[in-house]
Amino acid sequence: MYGKVPIQNCWNDTGKDPIGVRWLTINKGDEENPEIRCRIVAKEFNTSKREDLFAATPPLEAKKMLFSFAVTEGIGYQKGKEEEGMKLDFIDIRRAYYHAEARRKLYINLPEGDQEEGKCGILFKSLEGTRDAAQNWEYTYSKFMTSIGFERGKATPCIFTLSSKDLRVVVHGDDFTVLGHAKDLDWFRSQISDKFTVKFRGRIGPQQSDQKAIRILNRVLESTNSGIVYEADQRHAEIIKEQMGMQNESKGVNTPGVKGITDTAHKI
């Protein structure tokens, strides 16, 4: 991740102190199903505009496009031939930024437990909290995708297609959503696992043996007989209630802005 060098090296190259670091703890789930993650991050402050450090993020509609294709007859869905239908694969890259080489000379304070007098760290790999970490990761995964034959999208560089295997991929940060036939999805799994440390989160499809529900970008995706159901981020309601001070006393209504009907009013 980094190598130890004298702090004077940092001053000679940058003219300032090394970048600070801290531990960050977040809940990537919700209150009922917590998913606690702890990681070390850098504190490189955004003090000036740098368009050269931009990293692309796909529109949410790009993911929805794959979900639509999966149930569209003639593309992903084959009526009466569920075994030939396309499936959706969901793959996460573990510690994605650590797979991307640092492309700027950056120095950090040594984290607690590895500190040494007069020393700091020079980054070999990208660290979350540095301004170009996302860009470095985009460069890394894009190079991998094109190396195995994928063509990069023109409307957004986070979409990839491989016509020879009829595979479509949308990348959102470290999250890969892949649409294709089972044998081609298996091929992609083998390719990406050879390159990165991955977590295969699940595969949704029309067959009885396929997984039927999964959480993606904190939204619940469910495959049903009538299509794919896509729920909103469940945490948003919790956040709104907390910010409005409505956790304990408030009651739900069917229509926002309309008071609930009392028994007396209903009888009248």
Protein backbone atom coordinates (compact mmCIF):
# COMPACT_ATOMS: atom_id res chain seq x y z
CA MET A 1 0.00 0.00 0.00
CA TYR A 2 2.77 2.43 0.93
CA GLY A 3 6.45 2.56 1.70
CA LYS A 4 8.12 4.35 4.59
CA VAL A 5 10.34 7.29 3.67
CA PRO A 6 11.74 10.30 5.56
CA ILE A 7 9.24 13.14 6.01
CA GLN A 8 11.84 15.43 4.43
CA ASN A 9 11.17 13.64 1.11
CA CYS A 10 7.58 14.87 1.28
CA TRP A 11 8.68 18.45 1.91
CA ASN A 12 11.22 18.31 -0.89
CA ASP A 13 8.61 17.09 -3.42
CA THR A 14 5.45 18.91 -2.28
CA GLY A 15 6.53 21.74 -0.01
CA LYS A 16 4.06 20.74 2.71
CA ASP A 17 3.22 18.14 5.34
CA PRO A 18 2.05 14.63 4.44
CA ILE A 19 -1.69 14.08 3.99
CA GLY A 20 -3.50 13.08 7.18
CA VAL A 21 -5.35 9.78 7.55
CA ARG A 22 -8.16 8.50 9.80
CA TRP A 23 -10.36 5.47 10.36
CA LEU A 24 -13.88 5.65 8.92
CA THR A 25 -16.74 3.44 10.10
CA ILE A 26 -20.04 3.31 8.16
CA ASN A 27 -23.17 1.16 8.01
CA LYS A 28 -23.76 0.09 4.40
CA GLY A 29 -26.97 -1.67 5.41
CA ASP A 30 -29.88 -0.30 7.44
CA GLU A 31 -31.02 -0.39 11.06
CA GLU A 32 -32.55 -3.86 10.82
CA ASN A 33 -29.76 -5.37 8.69
CA PRO A 34 -26.52 -3.56 9.59
CA GLU A 35 -23.41 -4.06 7.47
CA ILE A 36 -20.55 -2.32 9.25
CA ARG A 37 -17.41 -1.44 7.30
CA CYS A 38 -14.23 0.08 8.73
CA ARG A 39 -11.42 1.41 6.57
CA ILE A 40 -8.59 3.89 6.64
CA VAL A 41 -8.99 6.98 4.46
CA ALA A 42 -6.84 9.95 3.52
CA LYS A 43 -7.82 13.56 4.21
CA GLU A 44 -6.69 15.30 1.04
CA PHE A 45 -8.81 18.45 1.04
CA ASN A 46 -10.31 19.87 -2.14
CA THR A 47 -8.69 23.32 -2.12
CA SER A 48 -8.77 23.99 -5.87
CA LYS A 49 -10.70 22.86 -8.93
CA ARG A 50 -8.98 20.03 -10.81
CA GLU A 51 -10.91 18.84 -13.86
CA ASP A 52 -8.07 16.48 -14.69
CA LEU A 53 -8.96 14.39 -11.60
CA PHE A 54 -12.54 13.70 -12.78
CA ALA A 55 -13.98 10.17 -12.58
CA ALA A 56 -17.20 9.13 -14.32
CA THR A 57 -20.29 7.71 -12.59
CA PRO A 58 -23.07 6.09 -14.64
CA PRO A 59 -26.63 7.44 -14.45
CA LEU A 60 -28.98 5.25 -12.42
CA GLU A 61 -30.89 4.62 -15.65
CA ALA A 62 -27.92 2.63 -16.93
CA LYS A 63 -28.58 -0.05 -14.29
CA LYS A 64 -32.32 0.16 -14.97
CA MET A 65 -31.59 -0.42 -18.66
CA LEU A 66 -30.01 -3.78 -17.87
CA PHE A 67 -32.99 -4.73 -15.68
CA SER A 68 -35.33 -3.83 -18.55
CA PHE A 69 -33.31 -5.82 -21.08
CA ALA A 70 -33.41 -8.85 -18.77
CA VAL A 71 -37.21 -9.07 -19.05
CA THR A 72 -37.62 -7.77 -22.61
CA GLU A 73 -38.76 -10.45 -25.04
CA GLY A 74 -36.26 -10.86 -27.84
CA ILE A 75 -33.36 -9.50 -25.77
CA GLY A 76 -33.09 -11.12 -22.35
CA TYR A 77 -36.36 -13.01 -22.07
CA GLN A 78 -37.28 -16.01 -24.22
CA LYS A 79 -40.96 -16.90 -23.84
CA GLY A 80 -41.33 -20.58 -22.99
CA LYS A 81 -37.55 -21.00 -22.92
CA GLU A 82 -36.57 -19.77 -19.47
CA GLU A 83 -33.46 -21.93 -19.51
CA GLU A 84 -32.21 -19.87 -22.48
CA GLY A 85 -33.05 -16.51 -20.94
CA MET A 86 -30.47 -14.02 -19.76
CA LYS A 87 -29.51 -13.54 -16.13
CA LEU A 88 -28.18 -10.64 -14.09
CA ASP A 89 -24.91 -11.14 -12.24
CA PHE A 90 -23.86 -8.87 -9.37
CA ILE A 91 -20.16 -8.63 -8.58
CA ASP A 92 -18.35 -6.42 -6.05
CA ILE A 93 -14.63 -5.70 -6.12
CA ARG A 94 -13.15 -5.94 -2.64
CA ARG A 95 -10.95 -2.97 -1.65
CA ALA A 96 -11.18 -1.69 -5.22
CA TYR A 97 -8.88 1.32 -4.85
CA TYR A 98 -6.09 -0.88 -3.57
CA HIS A 99 -6.02 -2.57 -6.99
CA ALA A 100 -5.25 0.78 -8.66
CA GLU A 101 -1.71 2.07 -8.76
CA ALA A 102 -1.11 5.62 -7.49
CA ARG A 103 -0.50 7.89 -10.49
CA ARG A 104 0.61 10.94 -8.49
CA LYS A 105 3.40 11.19 -5.94
CA LEU A 106 1.44 11.35 -2.66
CA TYR A 107 2.69 11.18 0.91
CA ILE A 108 0.56 10.28 3.95
CA ASN A 109 1.00 10.29 7.70
CA LEU A 110 1.67 6.77 8.90
CA PRO A 111 -1.49 5.22 10.42
CA GLU A 112 -1.74 4.44 14.10
CA GLY A 113 0.08 1.21 14.90
CA ASP A 114 2.68 1.68 12.15
CA GLN A 115 4.10 5.07 13.06
CA GLU A 116 7.85 5.70 13.09
CA GLU A 117 9.68 8.84 14.18
CA GLY A 118 10.67 11.06 11.26
CA LYS A 119 8.94 8.84 8.68
CA CYS A 120 5.85 9.12 6.49
CA GLY A 121 4.37 6.91 3.80
CA ILE A 122 4.57 7.25 0.02
CA LEU A 123 1.58 5.65 -1.70
CA PHE A 124 2.09 2.80 -4.15
CA LYS A 125 -1.66 2.10 -4.44
CA SER A 126 -4.63 4.45 -4.42
CA LEU A 127 -6.17 5.36 -1.09
CA GLU A 128 -9.75 6.49 -0.58
CA GLY A 129 -9.86 10.15 0.34
CA THR A 130 -7.20 11.17 -2.18
CA ARG A 131 -8.65 13.25 -4.98
CA ASP A 132 -7.73 10.97 -7.86
CA ALA A 133 -8.44 7.59 -6.24
CA ALA A 134 -11.71 7.11 -8.16
CA GLN A 135 -10.06 8.14 -11.41
CA ASN A 136 -7.21 5.69 -10.85
CA TRP A 137 -9.72 2.90 -10.26
CA GLU A 138 -11.68 3.86 -13.40
CA TYR A 139 -8.45 3.72 -15.39
CA THR A 140 -7.64 0.29 -13.93
CA TYR A 141 -10.99 -1.44 -14.51
CA SER A 142 -11.42 0.14 -17.98
CA LYS A 143 -8.01 -1.17 -19.04
CA PHE A 144 -9.00 -4.63 -17.80
CA MET A 145 -12.37 -4.61 -19.59
CA THR A 146 -10.92 -3.55 -22.95
CA SER A 147 -8.10 -6.09 -22.58
CA ILE A 148 -10.61 -8.96 -22.60
CA GLY A 149 -12.50 -7.63 -25.63
CA PHE A 150 -15.15 -5.25 -24.28
CA GLU A 151 -16.04 -2.03 -26.06
CA ARG A 152 -16.45 1.05 -23.89
CA GLY A 153 -19.63 3.13 -24.10
CA LYS A 154 -19.76 6.53 -25.80
CA ALA A 155 -22.66 8.10 -23.89
CA THR A 156 -21.07 7.05 -20.59
CA PRO A 157 -17.65 5.37 -20.17
CA CYS A 158 -19.05 3.16 -17.39
CA ILE A 159 -20.98 0.92 -19.82
CA PHE A 160 -19.25 -1.96 -21.61
CA THR A 161 -20.45 -4.42 -24.25
CA LEU A 162 -18.98 -7.61 -25.68
CA SER A 163 -20.90 -8.49 -28.84
CA SER A 164 -19.24 -11.87 -29.38
CA LYS A 165 -20.69 -13.13 -26.09
CA ASP A 166 -23.74 -10.80 -25.91
CA LEU A 167 -22.59 -9.41 -22.54
CA ARG A 168 -23.53 -5.98 -21.20
CA VAL A 169 -21.88 -4.49 -18.10
CA VAL A 170 -22.54 -1.34 -16.06
CA VAL A 171 -19.87 -0.32 -13.53
CA HIS A 172 -20.75 1.92 -10.59
CA GLY A 173 -17.67 2.40 -8.44
CA ASP A 174 -16.68 -1.10 -7.31
CA ASP A 175 -20.07 -2.58 -8.29
CA PHE A 176 -20.34 -4.57 -11.56
CA THR A 177 -23.80 -5.49 -12.91
CA VAL A 178 -23.61 -7.93 -15.81
CA LEU A 179 -26.35 -9.13 -18.18
CA GLY A 180 -25.80 -12.27 -20.23
CA HIS A 181 -26.37 -15.99 -20.63
CA ALA A 182 -25.18 -18.29 -17.86
CA LYS A 183 -22.15 -19.72 -19.70
CA ASP A 184 -20.96 -16.23 -20.65
CA LEU A 185 -21.48 -14.94 -17.13
CA ASP A 186 -19.38 -17.84 -15.86
CA TRP A 187 -16.66 -16.84 -18.33
CA PHE A 188 -16.72 -13.24 -17.10
CA ARG A 189 -16.55 -14.40 -13.48
CA SER A 190 -13.39 -16.36 -14.21
CA GLN A 191 -11.80 -13.40 -16.02
CA ILE A 192 -12.52 -10.81 -13.34
CA SER A 193 -11.56 -13.08 -10.44
CA ASP A 194 -8.17 -13.67 -12.07
CA LYS A 195 -7.55 -9.92 -12.05
CA PHE A 196 -9.19 -8.62 -8.85
CA THR A 197 -10.31 -9.79 -5.41
CA VAL A 198 -14.05 -10.16 -5.91
CA LYS A 199 -17.27 -11.02 -4.13
CA PHE A 200 -19.95 -12.77 -6.19
CA ARG A 201 -23.08 -11.40 -4.57
CA GLY A 202 -25.66 -13.30 -6.55
CA ARG A 203 -27.27 -14.08 -9.89
CA ILE A 204 -30.90 -13.29 -10.67
CA GLY A 205 -32.67 -15.15 -13.45
CA PRO A 206 -35.90 -16.76 -14.68
CA GLN A 207 -35.17 -20.34 -13.62
CA GLN A 208 -36.42 -21.75 -10.33
CA SER A 209 -32.85 -22.40 -9.21
CA ASP A 210 -31.86 -18.75 -9.76
CA GLN A 211 -31.70 -16.21 -6.96
CA LYS A 212 -34.84 -14.03 -6.84
CA ALA A 213 -33.84 -10.99 -4.75
CA ILE A 214 -30.73 -8.94 -4.06
CA ARG A 215 -29.70 -5.56 -2.67
CA ILE A 216 -27.89 -3.25 -5.06
CA LEU A 217 -26.75 0.30 -4.26
CA ASN A 218 -28.86 0.01 -1.09
CA ARG A 219 -31.96 -0.72 -3.20
CA VAL A 220 -33.82 -4.02 -3.25
CA LEU A 221 -34.17 -5.79 -6.60
CA GLU A 222 -36.64 -8.66 -6.84
CA SER A 223 -37.40 -10.98 -9.75
CA THR A 224 -41.10 -11.96 -9.97
CA ASN A 225 -43.35 -13.77 -12.43
CA SER A 226 -44.53 -10.41 -13.79
CA GLY A 227 -41.09 -8.82 -14.13
CA ILE A 228 -38.45 -7.13 -11.98
CA VAL A 229 -39.45 -5.00 -8.99
CA TYR A 230 -37.02 -2.25 -8.02
CA GLU A 231 -37.47 -0.61 -4.60
CA ALA A 232 -36.15 2.76 -3.48
CA ASP A 233 -33.32 3.07 -0.98
CA GLN A 234 -34.90 2.06 2.33
CA ARG A 235 -32.47 4.19 4.32
CA HIS A 236 -33.85 7.41 2.82
CA ALA A 237 -37.11 7.13 4.78
CA GLU A 238 -35.15 6.50 8.00
CA ILE A 239 -32.90 9.51 7.35
CA ILE A 240 -35.85 11.81 6.60
CA LYS A 241 -37.72 10.72 9.74
CA GLU A 242 -34.63 11.28 11.88
CA GLN A 243 -33.92 14.73 10.43
CA MET A 244 -37.55 15.78 10.89
CA GLY A 245 -37.73 14.38 14.43
CA MET A 246 -40.52 11.98 13.47
CA GLN A 247 -39.17 8.65 14.72
CA ASN A 248 -41.57 7.93 17.60
CA GLU A 249 -44.79 9.94 17.41
CA SER A 250 -45.65 10.03 13.70
CA LYS A 251 -48.10 7.71 11.96
CA GLY A 252 -48.22 6.79 8.30
CA VAL A 253 -50.92 7.82 5.81
CA ASN A 254 -51.71 6.52 2.34
CA THR A 255 -51.37 9.94 0.68
CA PRO A 256 -48.76 12.54 1.76
CA GLY A 257 -50.29 15.78 3.02
CA VAL A 258 -53.67 14.23 3.82
CA LYS A 259 -54.75 13.75 7.42
CA GLY A 260 -55.89 10.29 8.44
CA ILE A 261 -59.70 9.71 8.46
CA THR A 262 -61.11 9.22 11.96
CA ASP A 263 -63.75 6.64 12.77
CA THR A 264 -66.33 9.42 13.33
CA ALA A 265 -65.63 11.10 9.99
CA HIS A 266 -65.81 7.74 8.25
CA LYS A 267 -69.26 7.03 9.73
CA ILE A 268 -70.58 10.43 8.63
